Protein backbone atom coordinates (compact mmCIF):
# COMPACT_ATOMS: atom_id res chain seq x y z
CA UNK A 1 -0.01 0.01 0.02
CA UNK A 2 2.86 2.36 0.76
CA UNK A 3 4.31 1.92 -2.74
CA UNK A 4 0.88 2.44 -4.35
CA UNK A 5 0.37 5.57 -2.26
CA UNK A 6 3.75 6.86 -3.48
CA UNK A 7 2.90 6.15 -7.07
CA UNK A 8 -0.44 7.83 -6.81
CA UNK A 9 1.05 10.88 -5.08
CA UNK A 10 3.79 11.11 -7.71
CA UNK A 11 1.30 11.03 -10.58
CA UNK A 12 -0.77 13.81 -8.90
CA UNK A 13 2.35 15.86 -8.30
CA UNK A 14 3.62 15.53 -11.89
CA UNK A 15 0.20 16.28 -13.41
CA UNK A 16 -0.04 19.40 -11.23
CA UNK A 17 3.51 20.50 -12.08
CA UNK A 18 2.87 19.99 -15.77
CA UNK A 19 -0.22 22.24 -15.63
CA UNK A 20 1.69 24.76 -13.49
CA UNK A 21 4.70 24.88 -15.80
CA UNK A 22 2.59 25.17 -18.95
CA UNK A 23 0.74 28.14 -17.46
CA UNK A 24 4.00 29.72 -16.38
CA UNK A 25 5.40 29.61 -19.93
CA UNK A 26 2.25 31.39 -21.17
CA UNK A 27 2.60 33.92 -18.36
CA UNK A 28 6.17 34.66 -19.42
CA UNK A 29 5.16 34.96 -23.01
CA UNK A 30 2.27 37.31 -22.09
CA UNK A 31 4.50 39.49 -19.88
CA UNK A 32 7.22 39.78 -22.55
CA UNK A 33 10.10 38.64 -20.34
CA UNK A 34 13.33 36.91 -21.31
CA UNK A 35 14.01 33.21 -21.56
CA UNK A 36 16.46 33.68 -18.66
CA UNK A 37 13.71 34.92 -16.37
CA UNK A 38 11.27 32.31 -17.52
CA UNK A 39 13.81 29.52 -17.11
CA UNK A 40 15.55 30.70 -13.96
CA UNK A 41 12.48 31.98 -12.06
CA UNK A 42 9.16 30.90 -13.59
CA UNK A 43 10.02 27.44 -14.98
CA UNK A 44 12.49 26.75 -12.13
CA UNK A 45 9.97 27.49 -9.42
CA UNK A 46 7.25 25.59 -11.25
CA UNK A 47 9.30 22.45 -11.72
CA UNK A 48 10.76 22.70 -8.20
CA UNK A 49 7.32 22.89 -6.56
CA UNK A 50 6.85 19.12 -6.20
CA UNK A 51 10.16 18.83 -4.37
CA UNK A 52 9.46 22.05 -2.46
CA UNK A 53 6.08 21.00 -1.09
CA UNK A 54 7.37 17.70 0.30
CA UNK A 55 9.71 19.23 2.99
CA UNK A 56 7.29 22.08 3.69
CA UNK A 57 4.45 19.64 4.36
CA UNK A 58 6.77 17.31 6.32
CA UNK A 59 8.25 20.01 8.56
CA UNK A 60 4.89 21.64 9.37
CA UNK A 61 3.33 18.22 9.96
CA UNK A 62 6.10 17.62 12.57
CA UNK A 63 5.16 20.82 14.31
CA UNK A 64 1.46 20.05 14.40
CA UNK A 65 1.13 16.70 16.17
CA UNK A 66 2.65 14.24 13.70
CA UNK A 67 5.78 12.20 14.74
CA UNK A 68 8.34 14.99 15.00
CA UNK A 69 11.51 13.03 14.23
CA UNK A 70 10.08 11.51 11.02
CA UNK A 71 8.71 14.78 9.72
CA UNK A 72 11.98 16.51 10.47
CA UNK A 73 14.08 13.77 8.82
CA UNK A 74 11.90 13.78 5.68
CA UNK A 75 12.00 17.57 5.58
CA UNK A 76 15.76 17.97 6.11
CA UNK A 77 16.54 15.10 3.71
CA UNK A 78 14.35 16.58 0.98
CA UNK A 79 15.69 20.11 1.46
CA UNK A 80 19.34 19.05 1.14
CA UNK A 81 18.72 16.22 -1.35
CA UNK A 82 17.25 18.55 -4.04
CA UNK A 83 20.32 20.77 -4.52
CA UNK A 84 22.51 17.69 -4.40
CA UNK A 85 20.58 16.05 -7.23
CA UNK A 86 20.25 19.23 -9.31
CA UNK A 87 23.97 20.12 -9.20
CA UNK A 88 25.07 16.53 -9.91
CA UNK A 89 22.65 14.01 -11.40
CA UNK A 90 20.34 16.38 -13.27
CA UNK A 91 23.14 18.21 -15.06
CA UNK A 92 24.69 14.84 -15.93
CA UNK A 93 21.46 13.42 -17.25
CA UNK A 94 20.88 16.50 -19.46
CA UNK A 95 24.36 16.07 -20.90
CA UNK A 96 23.88 12.33 -21.34
CA UNK A 97 20.65 12.77 -23.35
CA UNK A 98 22.03 15.48 -25.62
CA UNK A 99 25.33 13.63 -26.30
CA UNK A 100 23.89 11.35 -29.06
CA UNK A 101 22.65 14.50 -30.85
CA UNK A 102 25.73 16.77 -30.43
CA UNK A 103 28.43 14.33 -29.33
CA UNK A 104 30.31 14.41 -26.00
CA UNK A 105 32.45 17.31 -27.34
CA UNK A 106 29.53 19.25 -28.87
CA UNK A 107 28.96 22.80 -27.71
CA UNK A 108 26.28 23.80 -25.19
CA UNK A 109 25.35 27.48 -25.53
CA UNK A 110 23.31 28.84 -22.61
CA UNK A 111 23.25 32.58 -22.19
CA UNK A 112 26.37 32.97 -20.00
CA UNK A 113 25.54 35.96 -17.82
CA UNK A 114 22.38 34.37 -16.43
CA UNK A 115 24.08 31.04 -15.85
CA UNK A 116 26.95 32.70 -13.99
CA UNK A 117 24.51 34.79 -11.92
CA UNK A 118 22.42 31.74 -10.96
CA UNK A 119 25.38 29.59 -9.88
CA UNK A 120 27.00 32.46 -8.02
CA UNK A 121 23.90 33.24 -5.96
CA UNK A 122 23.37 29.53 -5.31
CA UNK A 123 26.88 29.01 -3.95
CA UNK A 124 26.48 32.01 -1.57
CA UNK A 125 23.09 30.88 -0.30
CA UNK A 126 23.87 27.21 0.03
CA UNK A 127 27.26 27.96 1.61
CA UNK A 128 25.43 30.00 4.26
CA UNK A 129 22.99 27.12 4.75
CA UNK A 130 25.90 24.73 5.28
CA UNK A 131 27.53 27.04 7.84
CA UNK A 132 24.18 27.10 9.68
CA UNK A 133 24.52 23.36 10.33
CA UNK A 134 27.12 24.15 12.93
CA UNK A 135 25.06 26.80 14.72
CA UNK A 136 23.54 25.12 17.86
CA UNK A 137 19.78 24.83 17.69
CA UNK A 138 19.27 26.61 21.02
CA UNK A 139 20.89 29.85 19.66
CA UNK A 140 17.50 30.88 18.33
CA UNK A 141 18.35 34.44 17.32
CA UNK A 142 21.29 33.33 15.21
CA UNK A 143 19.15 30.67 13.51
CA UNK A 144 16.39 33.18 12.78
CA UNK A 145 18.92 35.70 11.46
CA UNK A 146 20.41 33.20 9.00
CA UNK A 147 16.94 32.13 7.88
CA UNK A 148 15.99 35.71 7.16
CA UNK A 149 19.23 36.29 5.35
CA UNK A 150 18.54 33.32 3.06
CA UNK A 151 15.04 34.61 2.25
CA UNK A 152 16.47 38.08 1.54
CA UNK A 153 19.15 36.64 -0.75
CA UNK A 154 16.50 34.92 -2.86
CA UNK A 155 14.43 38.02 -3.32
CA UNK A 156 17.51 40.04 -4.19
CA UNK A 157 18.39 37.39 -6.74
CA UNK A 158 14.90 37.68 -8.28
CA UNK A 159 15.21 41.48 -8.49
CA UNK A 160 18.62 41.27 -10.20
CA UNK A 161 17.36 38.66 -12.65
CA UNK A 162 14.25 40.64 -13.54
CA UNK A 163 16.35 43.82 -14.03
CA UNK A 164 18.44 41.93 -16.64
CA UNK A 165 15.36 40.79 -18.51
CA UNK A 166 14.76 43.87 -20.72
CA UNK A 167 18.25 43.89 -22.20
CA UNK A 168 18.07 40.15 -22.94
CA UNK A 169 14.63 40.50 -24.68
CA UNK A 170 16.15 43.27 -26.84
CA UNK A 171 18.95 40.87 -27.82
CA UNK A 172 16.46 38.24 -29.03
CA UNK A 173 16.08 36.10 -25.92
CA UNK A 174 12.38 36.67 -25.43
CA UNK A 175 10.13 33.87 -24.15
CA UNK A 176 7.82 32.00 -26.49
CA UNK A 177 5.29 29.43 -25.21
CA UNK A 178 5.99 26.09 -26.80
CA UNK A 179 2.54 24.54 -26.40
CA UNK A 180 -1.02 25.76 -26.16
CA UNK A 181 -2.42 26.49 -22.76
CA UNK A 182 -4.08 23.30 -21.52
CA UNK A 183 -7.31 24.97 -20.41
CA UNK A 184 -7.62 26.54 -23.86
CA UNK A 185 -8.22 23.06 -25.22
CA UNK A 186 -11.56 23.14 -23.36
CA UNK A 187 -12.64 26.18 -25.36
CA UNK A 188 -11.53 28.79 -22.87
CA UNK A 189 -9.59 31.80 -24.28
CA UNK A 190 -5.86 32.18 -23.52
CA UNK A 191 -6.35 35.19 -21.27
CA UNK A 192 -4.53 36.18 -18.11
CA UNK A 193 -7.46 35.12 -15.94
CA UNK A 194 -7.41 31.64 -17.50
CA UNK A 195 -3.65 31.38 -17.10
CA UNK A 196 -3.94 32.24 -13.40
CA UNK A 197 -6.74 29.66 -12.97
CA UNK A 198 -4.56 26.95 -14.41
CA UNK A 199 -1.70 28.07 -12.15
CA UNK A 200 -3.99 27.69 -9.13
CA UNK A 201 -5.24 24.27 -10.24
CA UNK A 202 -1.67 23.04 -10.71
CA UNK A 203 -0.54 24.35 -7.30
CA UNK A 204 -3.48 22.66 -5.61
CA UNK A 205 -2.64 19.32 -7.12
CA UNK A 206 0.97 19.74 -6.10
CA UNK A 207 0.18 20.49 -2.49
CA UNK A 208 -2.26 17.55 -2.26
CA UNK A 209 0.19 15.15 -3.86
CA UNK A 210 3.00 16.24 -1.62
CA UNK A 211 0.96 15.58 1.46
CA UNK A 212 0.24 12.05 0.24
CA UNK A 213 3.90 11.57 -0.67
CA UNK A 214 5.10 12.46 2.93
CA UNK A 215 2.73 9.84 4.34
CA UNK A 216 4.02 7.24 1.85
CA UNK A 217 7.71 7.97 2.61
CA UNK A 218 7.17 7.69 6.35
CA UNK A 219 5.33 4.34 5.96
CA UNK A 220 7.94 3.03 3.53
CA UNK A 221 10.76 3.85 5.93
CA UNK A 222 9.06 1.74 8.63
CA UNK A 223 8.42 -1.13 6.24
CA UNK A 224 11.95 -1.26 4.80
CA UNK A 225 13.65 -0.45 8.14
CA UNK A 226 15.57 2.43 6.51
CA UNK A 227 16.09 5.87 8.08
CA UNK A 228 13.61 8.39 6.76
CA UNK A 229 16.56 10.81 6.39
CA UNK A 230 18.45 8.43 4.05
CA UNK A 231 15.33 7.61 2.08
CA UNK A 232 14.55 11.31 1.71
CA UNK A 233 18.07 12.23 0.63
CA UNK A 234 18.03 9.63 -2.17
CA UNK A 235 14.47 8.79 -3.12
CA UNK A 236 12.40 11.98 -2.63
CA UNK A 237 14.53 14.23 -4.96
CA UNK A 238 14.62 11.60 -7.76
CA UNK A 239 10.98 10.66 -7.47
CA UNK A 240 9.54 14.20 -7.25
CA UNK A 241 11.94 16.46 -9.18
CA UNK A 242 13.97 14.46 -11.69
CA UNK A 243 10.94 13.61 -13.86
CA UNK A 244 10.31 17.40 -14.09
CA UNK A 245 13.84 17.88 -15.39
CA UNK A 246 12.75 16.12 -18.53
CA UNK A 247 11.72 19.65 -19.55
CA UNK A 248 15.44 20.60 -19.52
CA UNK A 249 16.30 17.53 -21.55
CA UNK A 250 13.64 18.32 -24.14
CA UNK A 251 14.70 22.04 -24.31
CA UNK A 252 18.44 21.25 -24.77
CA UNK A 253 17.61 18.74 -27.49
CA UNK A 254 15.58 21.42 -29.24
CA UNK A 255 18.48 23.85 -29.04
CA UNK A 256 16.94 26.00 -26.27
CA UNK A 257 20.02 25.77 -24.04
CA UNK A 258 19.24 28.92 -22.01
CA UNK A 259 15.82 27.58 -20.97
CA UNK A 260 17.33 24.12 -20.23
CA UNK A 261 20.10 25.36 -18.01
CA UNK A 262 18.02 28.08 -16.42
CA UNK A 263 15.40 25.53 -15.37
CA UNK A 264 18.07 23.70 -13.41
CA UNK A 265 20.22 26.53 -12.09
CA UNK A 266 17.23 28.73 -11.16
CA UNK A 267 15.81 25.81 -9.20
CA UNK A 268 19.20 25.49 -7.48
CA UNK A 269 18.94 29.08 -6.20
CA UNK A 270 15.33 28.52 -5.08
CA UNK A 271 16.14 25.19 -3.41
CA UNK A 272 19.39 26.44 -1.94
CA UNK A 273 17.96 29.51 -0.23
CA UNK A 274 14.21 29.50 0.63
CA UNK A 275 13.99 25.85 1.65
CA UNK A 276 17.10 25.82 3.84
CA UNK A 277 15.63 28.89 5.56
CA UNK A 278 12.76 26.74 6.66
CA UNK A 279 15.14 23.97 7.73
CA UNK A 280 17.36 26.33 9.71
CA UNK A 281 14.48 27.95 11.59
CA UNK A 282 12.11 24.99 12.08
CA UNK A 283 14.24 21.82 12.33
CA UNK A 284 17.35 20.73 14.26
CA UNK A 285 19.46 21.23 11.08
CA UNK A 286 22.38 19.33 12.53
CA UNK A 287 25.60 18.17 10.86
CA UNK A 288 25.14 14.33 10.67
CA UNK A 289 27.56 12.44 8.35
CA UNK A 290 25.05 11.93 5.49
CA UNK A 291 24.06 15.63 5.63
CA UNK A 292 27.69 16.85 5.64
CA UNK A 293 28.64 14.50 2.79
CA UNK A 294 25.69 15.71 0.71
CA UNK A 295 26.34 19.41 1.41
CA UNK A 296 30.05 19.03 0.65
CA UNK A 297 29.50 17.27 -2.72
CA UNK A 298 26.81 19.75 -3.67
CA UNK A 299 29.18 22.66 -3.12
CA UNK A 300 31.90 20.75 -4.98
CA UNK A 301 29.76 20.09 -8.02
CA UNK A 302 28.25 23.57 -7.98
CA UNK A 303 31.65 25.25 -7.58
CA UNK A 304 33.11 23.15 -10.39
CA UNK A 305 30.34 24.19 -12.79
CA UNK A 306 30.55 27.83 -11.74
CA UNK A 307 34.37 27.89 -12.42
CA UNK A 308 33.79 26.47 -15.89
CA UNK A 309 31.32 29.26 -16.63
CA UNK A 310 33.35 31.94 -14.90
CA UNK A 311 36.45 31.06 -16.94
CA UNK A 312 34.44 31.31 -20.21
CA UNK A 313 34.89 27.66 -21.03
CA UNK A 314 32.59 26.44 -23.84
CA UNK A 315 30.41 23.99 -22.03
CA UNK A 316 30.34 20.48 -23.51
CA UNK A 317 28.53 17.31 -22.41
CA UNK A 318 31.71 15.60 -21.21
CA UNK A 319 32.25 18.43 -18.68
CA UNK A 320 29.26 17.09 -16.68
CA UNK A 321 30.68 13.60 -16.26
CA UNK A 322 32.30 14.98 -13.08
CA UNK A 323 28.87 15.99 -11.75
CA UNK A 324 27.59 12.49 -12.40
CA UNK A 325 30.56 10.97 -10.55
CA UNK A 326 29.76 13.18 -7.55
CA UNK A 327 26.22 11.80 -7.37
CA UNK A 328 27.47 8.25 -7.85
CA UNK A 329 29.89 8.61 -4.99
CA UNK A 330 27.10 9.96 -2.75
CA UNK A 331 24.69 7.20 -3.69
CA UNK A 332 27.15 4.40 -2.97
CA UNK A 333 28.32 6.05 0.25
CA UNK A 334 24.72 6.09 1.63
CA UNK A 335 23.83 2.63 0.41
């Protein structure tokens, strides 16, 4: 029953995220913003929502009468597992799927300023989140201060990204919706009100599916005799977010490298700042060996990718073999 519950929850989450992302693309098109903004903010947030809602639901369930240790473990595992997967496995998978088309030495051409900006902000925010692991839980003011700094960092990042949009649109990087709005297939017009209705429907499905998924993870950890933390670090990110990164694979295979990379790196900033803020302020957020290993490898993979971009290296699929090795090392260390 636990597995069936997880499958049902996953299907609901994915359907909701698909509706949400489709509506976001039309919103970006309607607002006349750049591919960088659509990829790094709109699409990134939309595709990150399944992973986002799992730790949020888990943490708040732990503070409202559910078993606290399970909720906290699922929450912390999901919060840290998402940046780990995005900076390692997701980038590797995107490179793997584009390699038959372009070759392992073929060029990848995302808009460089946005990519450098995303990775730089992520490393700052996630580095601060990692430092917070060593701040004792009873020092409440310090924890709250770090949490508020992480929230502020994300909103500053959004402002900087939006400010860069106009220049990018003028250079030909404007957003174009790839598919018709799903609700328009029912006969409704593609107007702002209809776009917002589809956004609300998608979000509601994601929240409901995330609640079911937390219940399934907790039950499965009991049945398998595996720590909910370990299960959440490995299973939750793959199950809830990796399928959504199919969008990046499809975009890069269609030559839309900026959207493909922005979907991943924008999600990294989102997952590396706002969610750790919740973890820092509402969970023990302690430096256990699996957590430290995951945080260290995430910073290693993110820093490696940032240095490639910073140095102006033409990105090629083989560069991301290193990111895949980082995830492989983590997986085998935990299992």
